[in-house]
């Protein structure tokens, strides 16, 4: 296995690990939200810290989960046209999108977010709301999230070029092809036509 493929596997593993842990923040956010509502309505006690903690966790799920979602090819994809093209053409479209859209935009956001985070960290920035939380952890999530997206984008590039060289199958990085969508639609249509069964 080449060095680049080993690097790609390492990046995939790191983002998979982070993504698997980040998803539990959804449950935690729901519990915090429910607990905060119960305490507020039952005892008239509330705190901005609990409210801000919820959107901190939401930000973490979104920013730390995005690279994992990219790894699993789960981002929204318009396959009406691209899905009917050959696998090789689809791979070239992916490469173009990663090189000219994903990586440049993510790099610009990362570049701008580092001083944004650092000023908050160095200045011990606090929330403007009474009883709110410190702000730098939320801003650090932007840095971490887009850094991981850039890494995952590079991993996806490596896999696409490996496919073009015949070293990797298409299914290794494209889990949801146009054929899967067509099969799902056909199953739904068939179920609709058959209609519900009634018991005598």
Protein backbone atom coordinates (compact mmCIF):
# COMPACT_ATOMS: atom_id res chain seq x y z
CA UNK A 1 0.00 0.00 0.00
CA UNK A 2 1.36 3.40 -0.97
CA UNK A 3 2.10 6.15 1.51
CA UNK A 4 -0.80 8.25 0.19
CA UNK A 5 -3.28 5.42 0.64
CA UNK A 6 -2.05 4.85 4.19
CA UNK A 7 -2.47 8.57 4.83
CA UNK A 8 -5.99 8.44 3.40
CA UNK A 9 -6.90 5.51 5.65
CA UNK A 10 -5.49 7.35 8.68
CA UNK A 11 -7.52 10.48 7.91
CA UNK A 12 -10.65 8.36 7.39
CA UNK A 13 -10.07 6.62 10.71
CA UNK A 14 -9.57 9.89 12.61
CA UNK A 15 -12.71 11.49 11.17
CA UNK A 16 -14.71 8.30 11.74
CA UNK A 17 -13.64 8.26 15.38
CA UNK A 18 -14.51 11.93 15.90
CA UNK A 19 -17.79 11.60 13.99
CA UNK A 20 -18.89 8.58 16.02
CA UNK A 21 -18.34 10.48 19.25
CA UNK A 22 -19.84 13.74 17.97
CA UNK A 23 -23.19 12.09 17.24
CA UNK A 24 -23.73 11.43 20.95
CA UNK A 25 -23.80 15.19 21.47
CA UNK A 26 -27.23 15.16 19.82
CA UNK A 27 -28.62 13.03 22.64
CA UNK A 28 -26.81 15.13 25.22
CA UNK A 29 -28.21 18.34 23.70
CA UNK A 30 -31.73 16.91 23.84
CA UNK A 31 -31.29 15.93 27.50
CA UNK A 32 -29.91 19.37 28.39
CA UNK A 33 -32.77 21.05 26.51
CA UNK A 34 -35.41 18.88 28.20
CA UNK A 35 -33.84 19.26 31.63
CA UNK A 36 -33.57 23.03 31.24
CA UNK A 37 -37.23 23.28 30.19
CA UNK A 38 -38.42 21.11 33.08
CA UNK A 39 -36.46 23.11 35.67
CA UNK A 40 -37.54 26.43 34.16
CA UNK A 41 -41.25 25.64 34.12
CA UNK A 42 -41.29 23.69 37.38
CA UNK A 43 -39.10 25.88 39.56
CA UNK A 44 -38.78 29.12 37.55
CA UNK A 45 -35.02 28.61 37.47
CA UNK A 46 -33.01 29.06 34.30
CA UNK A 47 -29.57 30.00 33.08
CA UNK A 48 -28.20 31.33 29.81
CA UNK A 49 -25.30 28.92 30.26
CA UNK A 50 -27.59 25.93 29.60
CA UNK A 51 -29.08 27.59 26.53
CA UNK A 52 -25.65 28.42 25.13
CA UNK A 53 -24.38 24.92 25.92
CA UNK A 54 -27.08 23.57 23.60
CA UNK A 55 -25.91 25.57 20.60
CA UNK A 56 -22.28 24.80 21.43
CA UNK A 57 -23.14 21.12 21.14
CA UNK A 58 -25.15 21.69 17.96
CA UNK A 59 -22.15 23.50 16.47
CA UNK A 60 -19.91 20.59 17.46
CA UNK A 61 -22.21 18.05 15.83
CA UNK A 62 -22.36 20.07 12.62
CA UNK A 63 -18.69 21.02 12.35
CA UNK A 64 -17.15 17.77 13.61
CA UNK A 65 -19.71 15.59 11.85
CA UNK A 66 -19.29 17.20 8.42
CA UNK A 67 -15.91 15.54 7.67
CA UNK A 68 -17.31 12.14 8.69
CA UNK A 69 -20.35 12.75 6.49
CA UNK A 70 -18.04 13.56 3.58
CA UNK A 71 -16.11 10.35 4.20
CA UNK A 72 -19.35 8.34 4.02
CA UNK A 73 -20.51 10.17 0.87
CA UNK A 74 -23.67 11.25 2.68
CA UNK A 75 -23.74 14.93 1.72
CA UNK A 76 -26.57 16.07 -0.55
CA UNK A 77 -25.74 15.12 -4.13
CA UNK A 78 -27.77 15.93 -7.24
CA UNK A 79 -27.60 12.73 -9.27
CA UNK A 80 -30.27 13.50 -11.87
CA UNK A 81 -27.55 14.07 -14.48
CA UNK A 82 -24.25 13.06 -12.86
CA UNK A 83 -25.64 9.72 -11.70
CA UNK A 84 -26.26 8.70 -15.30
CA UNK A 85 -22.68 9.37 -16.35
CA UNK A 86 -19.92 6.78 -16.32
CA UNK A 87 -18.10 6.11 -13.05
CA UNK A 88 -14.92 7.63 -14.45
CA UNK A 89 -16.72 10.85 -15.40
CA UNK A 90 -18.32 11.05 -11.96
CA UNK A 91 -14.89 10.72 -10.38
CA UNK A 92 -13.53 13.57 -12.50
CA UNK A 93 -16.51 15.71 -11.44
CA UNK A 94 -15.71 14.90 -7.80
CA UNK A 95 -12.05 15.84 -8.31
CA UNK A 96 -13.04 19.14 -9.92
CA UNK A 97 -15.44 19.94 -7.08
CA UNK A 98 -12.93 19.09 -4.37
CA UNK A 99 -10.05 21.02 -5.99
CA UNK A 100 -11.94 24.14 -7.04
CA UNK A 101 -14.72 24.41 -4.44
CA UNK A 102 -14.33 22.32 -1.28
CA UNK A 103 -10.63 22.83 -0.56
CA UNK A 104 -10.34 26.55 -1.49
CA UNK A 105 -13.46 27.61 0.42
CA UNK A 106 -12.52 25.50 3.45
CA UNK A 107 -8.96 26.90 3.39
CA UNK A 108 -10.24 30.50 3.31
CA UNK A 109 -12.63 29.87 6.21
CA UNK A 110 -9.85 28.15 8.19
CA UNK A 111 -7.45 31.02 7.49
CA UNK A 112 -9.97 33.59 8.71
CA UNK A 113 -11.16 31.56 11.69
CA UNK A 114 -7.73 31.07 13.31
CA UNK A 115 -7.27 34.75 14.36
CA UNK A 116 -11.00 34.91 15.12
CA UNK A 117 -10.53 32.07 17.62
CA UNK A 118 -7.18 33.28 18.93
CA UNK A 119 -8.42 36.77 19.80
CA UNK A 120 -11.30 35.22 21.70
CA UNK A 121 -8.98 32.81 23.53
CA UNK A 122 -6.32 35.39 24.37
CA UNK A 123 -8.89 37.92 25.52
CA UNK A 124 -10.84 35.41 27.60
CA UNK A 125 -13.99 36.46 25.74
CA UNK A 126 -17.21 35.78 27.58
CA UNK A 127 -20.77 35.66 26.35
CA UNK A 128 -22.61 38.95 26.30
CA UNK A 129 -25.54 37.25 28.03
CA UNK A 130 -25.76 37.21 31.81
CA UNK A 131 -24.43 33.92 33.15
CA UNK A 132 -23.25 32.88 29.69
CA UNK A 133 -20.26 30.71 28.79
CA UNK A 134 -16.79 31.51 27.55
CA UNK A 135 -16.81 31.95 23.78
CA UNK A 136 -13.48 30.55 22.55
CA UNK A 137 -14.47 26.84 22.62
CA UNK A 138 -17.28 27.54 20.16
CA UNK A 139 -14.93 29.50 17.90
CA UNK A 140 -12.31 26.76 18.13
CA UNK A 141 -14.88 24.35 16.69
CA UNK A 142 -14.80 26.36 13.46
CA UNK A 143 -11.02 25.91 13.24
CA UNK A 144 -11.16 22.21 14.08
CA UNK A 145 -14.12 21.50 11.82
CA UNK A 146 -12.69 23.07 8.68
CA UNK A 147 -9.23 21.65 9.34
CA UNK A 148 -10.77 18.18 9.44
CA UNK A 149 -12.83 18.89 6.31
CA UNK A 150 -9.64 19.87 4.46
CA UNK A 151 -7.98 16.64 5.61
CA UNK A 152 -11.00 14.60 4.50
CA UNK A 153 -11.07 16.42 1.17
CA UNK A 154 -7.45 15.42 0.60
CA UNK A 155 -8.32 11.84 1.54
CA UNK A 156 -11.16 11.84 -0.98
CA UNK A 157 -8.81 13.17 -3.66
CA UNK A 158 -6.33 10.39 -2.95
CA UNK A 159 -9.07 7.78 -3.29
CA UNK A 160 -10.36 9.26 -6.56
CA UNK A 161 -6.89 9.27 -8.11
CA UNK A 162 -6.33 5.73 -6.83
CA UNK A 163 -9.52 4.73 -8.66
CA UNK A 164 -8.30 6.34 -11.88
CA UNK A 165 -5.07 4.33 -11.56
CA UNK A 166 -7.07 1.14 -11.08
CA UNK A 167 -5.99 0.68 -7.46
CA UNK A 168 -9.39 1.21 -5.82
CA UNK A 169 -12.97 0.24 -6.73
CA UNK A 170 -15.63 2.90 -7.23
CA UNK A 171 -17.63 1.47 -4.33
CA UNK A 172 -14.78 2.28 -1.93
CA UNK A 173 -15.80 5.93 -1.81
CA UNK A 174 -19.22 6.21 -3.50
CA UNK A 175 -21.66 4.27 -1.37
CA UNK A 176 -24.87 5.71 -2.77
CA UNK A 177 -24.89 5.55 -6.53
CA UNK A 178 -27.73 6.41 -8.91
CA UNK A 179 -28.69 2.75 -9.13
CA UNK A 180 -29.47 2.62 -5.41
CA UNK A 181 -31.80 5.61 -5.75
CA UNK A 182 -33.57 4.03 -8.73
CA UNK A 183 -34.06 0.76 -6.82
CA UNK A 184 -35.47 2.64 -3.82
CA UNK A 185 -37.87 4.65 -6.01
CA UNK A 186 -38.98 1.47 -7.79
CA UNK A 187 -39.68 -0.20 -4.43
CA UNK A 188 -41.75 2.77 -3.26
CA UNK A 189 -43.73 2.81 -6.52
CA UNK A 190 -44.36 -0.92 -6.26
CA UNK A 191 -45.53 -0.59 -2.66
CA UNK A 192 -47.86 2.25 -3.66
CA UNK A 193 -49.38 0.24 -6.49
CA UNK A 194 -49.98 -2.82 -4.36
CA UNK A 195 -51.68 -0.71 -1.68
CA UNK A 196 -52.34 -1.75 1.92
CA UNK A 197 -53.57 -5.24 2.56
CA UNK A 198 -56.79 -5.65 4.52
CA UNK A 199 -57.60 -8.48 6.83
CA UNK A 200 -60.95 -10.22 6.57
